Amino acid sequence: MEDSYAQAAVYIGAALAMGMGSVGPAIGQGLIGMKACESMGKHPESSGNIRVTMMMALSLVETSAIYCFIVSLILLFRFG
């Protein structure tokens, strides 16, 4: 009985880590894409530079979601 509570806590913790850890990067990626599109519309001659900078920023933002995914996997496979 006690083991099932611990296993349920691990599953809930993994779900919360993945769910809460994905909200911030999703909002950040949306804002980055929005501002990049606005900048490309205002300055079409520099769209190549803006696109490269946007991709670099998106990759940096995505790393926090990947870290949350790794923590969730560790919780599931090590303690679950």
C-alpha atoms as a PDB file:
ATOM      1  CA  MET A   1       0.000   0.000   0.000  1.00  0.00           C
ATOM      2  CA  GLU A   2       2.763   2.435   0.918  1.00  0.00           C
ATOM      3  CA  ASP A   3       4.681   1.588  -2.250  1.00  0.00           C
ATOM      4  CA  SER A   4       1.713   2.474  -4.437  1.00  0.00           C
ATOM      5  CA  TYR A   5       1.573   5.965  -2.896  1.00  0.00           C
ATOM      6  CA  ALA A   6       5.256   6.483  -3.611  1.00  0.00           C
ATOM      7  CA  GLN A   7       4.835   5.286  -7.188  1.00  0.00           C
ATOM      8  CA  ALA A   8       1.830   7.566  -7.662  1.00  0.00           C
ATOM      9  CA  ALA A   9       3.877  10.483  -6.331  1.00  0.00           C
ATOM     10  CA  VAL A  10       6.639   9.710  -8.841  1.00  0.00           C
ATOM     11  CA  TYR A  11       4.165   9.680 -11.723  1.00  0.00           C
ATOM     12  CA  ILE A  12       2.520  12.896 -10.574  1.00  0.00           C
ATOM     13  CA  GLY A  13       5.920  14.539 -10.115  1.00  0.00           C
ATOM     14  CA  ALA A  14       7.029  13.511 -13.599  1.00  0.00           C
ATOM     15  CA  ALA A  15       3.800  14.827 -15.105  1.00  0.00           C
ATOM     16  CA  LEU A  16       4.089  18.119 -13.241  1.00  0.00           C
ATOM     17  CA  ALA A  17       7.747  18.531 -14.194  1.00  0.00           C
ATOM     18  CA  MET A  18       6.949  18.029 -17.854  1.00  0.00           C
ATOM     19  CA  GLY A  19       3.741  20.057 -17.849  1.00  0.00           C
ATOM     20  CA  MET A  20       4.947  23.039 -15.861  1.00  0.00           C
ATOM     21  CA  GLY A  21       8.362  22.961 -17.514  1.00  0.00           C
ATOM     22  CA  SER A  22       6.863  23.194 -20.990  1.00  0.00           C
ATOM     23  CA  VAL A  23       4.684  26.252 -20.413  1.00  0.00           C
ATOM     24  CA  GLY A  24       7.511  28.795 -20.202  1.00  0.00           C
ATOM     25  CA  PRO A  25       9.410  27.609 -23.280  1.00  0.00           C
ATOM     26  CA  ALA A  26       6.184  27.448 -25.300  1.00  0.00           C
ATOM     27  CA  ILE A  27       5.333  31.057 -24.445  1.00  0.00           C
ATOM     28  CA  GLY A  28       8.928  32.119 -25.099  1.00  0.00           C
ATOM     29  CA  GLN A  29       9.008  30.429 -28.492  1.00  0.00           C
ATOM     30  CA  GLY A  30       5.757  32.086 -29.465  1.00  0.00           C
ATOM     31  CA  LEU A  31       7.087  35.512 -28.497  1.00  0.00           C
ATOM     32  CA  ILE A  32      10.353  34.923 -30.358  1.00  0.00           C
ATOM     33  CA  GLY A  33       8.495  33.887 -33.508  1.00  0.00           C
ATOM     34  CA  MET A  34       6.112  36.835 -33.230  1.00  0.00           C
ATOM     35  CA  LYS A  35       8.866  39.394 -32.877  1.00  0.00           C
ATOM     36  CA  ALA A  36      10.934  37.812 -35.658  1.00  0.00           C
ATOM     37  CA  CYS A  37       7.965  37.991 -38.042  1.00  0.00           C
ATOM     38  CA  GLU A  38       7.367  41.621 -37.084  1.00  0.00           C
ATOM     39  CA  SER A  39      11.020  42.452 -37.687  1.00  0.00           C
ATOM     40  CA  MET A  40      11.071  40.666 -41.042  1.00  0.00           C
ATOM     41  CA  GLY A  41       7.972  42.598 -42.076  1.00  0.00           C
ATOM     42  CA  LYS A  42       9.530  45.943 -41.156  1.00  0.00           C
ATOM     43  CA  HIS A  43      12.994  45.151 -42.536  1.00  0.00           C
ATOM     44  CA  PRO A  44      12.728  42.562 -45.346  1.00  0.00           C
ATOM     45  CA  GLU A  45      16.308  43.204 -46.479  1.00  0.00           C
ATOM     46  CA  SER A  46      17.702  41.783 -43.231  1.00  0.00           C
ATOM     47  CA  SER A  47      15.399  38.769 -42.993  1.00  0.00           C
ATOM     48  CA  GLY A  48      18.305  36.329 -43.329  1.00  0.00           C
ATOM     49  CA  ASN A  49      20.065  37.699 -40.264  1.00  0.00           C
ATOM     50  CA  ILE A  50      16.816  37.808 -38.312  1.00  0.00           C
ATOM     51  CA  ARG A  51      16.041  34.194 -39.223  1.00  0.00           C
ATOM     52  CA  VAL A  52      19.458  32.974 -38.065  1.00  0.00           C
ATOM     53  CA  THR A  53      19.159  34.879 -34.798  1.00  0.00           C
ATOM     54  CA  MET A  54      15.637  33.530 -34.298  1.00  0.00           C
ATOM     55  CA  MET A  55      16.785  29.931 -34.767  1.00  0.00           C
ATOM     56  CA  MET A  56      19.590  30.404 -32.258  1.00  0.00           C
ATOM     57  CA  ALA A  57      17.185  31.899 -29.718  1.00  0.00           C
ATOM     58  CA  LEU A  58      14.665  29.101 -30.272  1.00  0.00           C
ATOM     59  CA  SER A  59      17.317  26.459 -29.658  1.00  0.00           C
ATOM     60  CA  LEU A  60      18.333  28.129 -26.402  1.00  0.00           C
ATOM     61  CA  VAL A  61      14.731  28.346 -25.211  1.00  0.00           C
ATOM     62  CA  GLU A  62      14.074  24.712 -26.128  1.00  0.00           C
ATOM     63  CA  THR A  63      16.873  23.445 -23.883  1.00  0.00           C
ATOM     64  CA  SER A  64      14.869  24.135 -20.715  1.00  0.00           C
ATOM     65  CA  ALA A  65      12.005  21.989 -22.024  1.00  0.00           C
ATOM     66  CA  ILE A  66      14.497  19.249 -22.864  1.00  0.00           C
ATOM     67  CA  TYR A  67      15.907  19.420 -19.326  1.00  0.00           C
ATOM     68  CA  CYS A  68      12.401  18.999 -17.920  1.00  0.00           C
ATOM     69  CA  PHE A  69      11.890  16.009 -20.199  1.00  0.00           C
ATOM     70  CA  ILE A  70      15.138  14.443 -18.969  1.00  0.00           C
ATOM     71  CA  VAL A  71      14.133  15.003 -15.330  1.00  0.00           C
ATOM     72  CA  SER A  72      10.771  13.370 -16.030  1.00  0.00           C
ATOM     73  CA  LEU A  73      12.445  10.371 -17.639  1.00  0.00           C
ATOM     74  CA  ILE A  74      14.833  10.024 -14.696  1.00  0.00           C
ATOM     75  CA  LEU A  75      11.894  10.106 -12.288  1.00  0.00           C
ATOM     76  CA  LEU A  76       9.985   7.504 -14.277  1.00  0.00           C
ATOM     77  CA  PHE A  77      12.777   5.043 -14.966  1.00  0.00           C
ATOM     78  CA  ARG A  78      14.801   5.410 -11.769  1.00  0.00           C
ATOM     79  CA  PHE A  79      12.021   5.661  -9.190  1.00  0.00           C
ATOM     80  CA  GLY A  80       8.896   4.531 -11.051  1.00  0.00           C
END
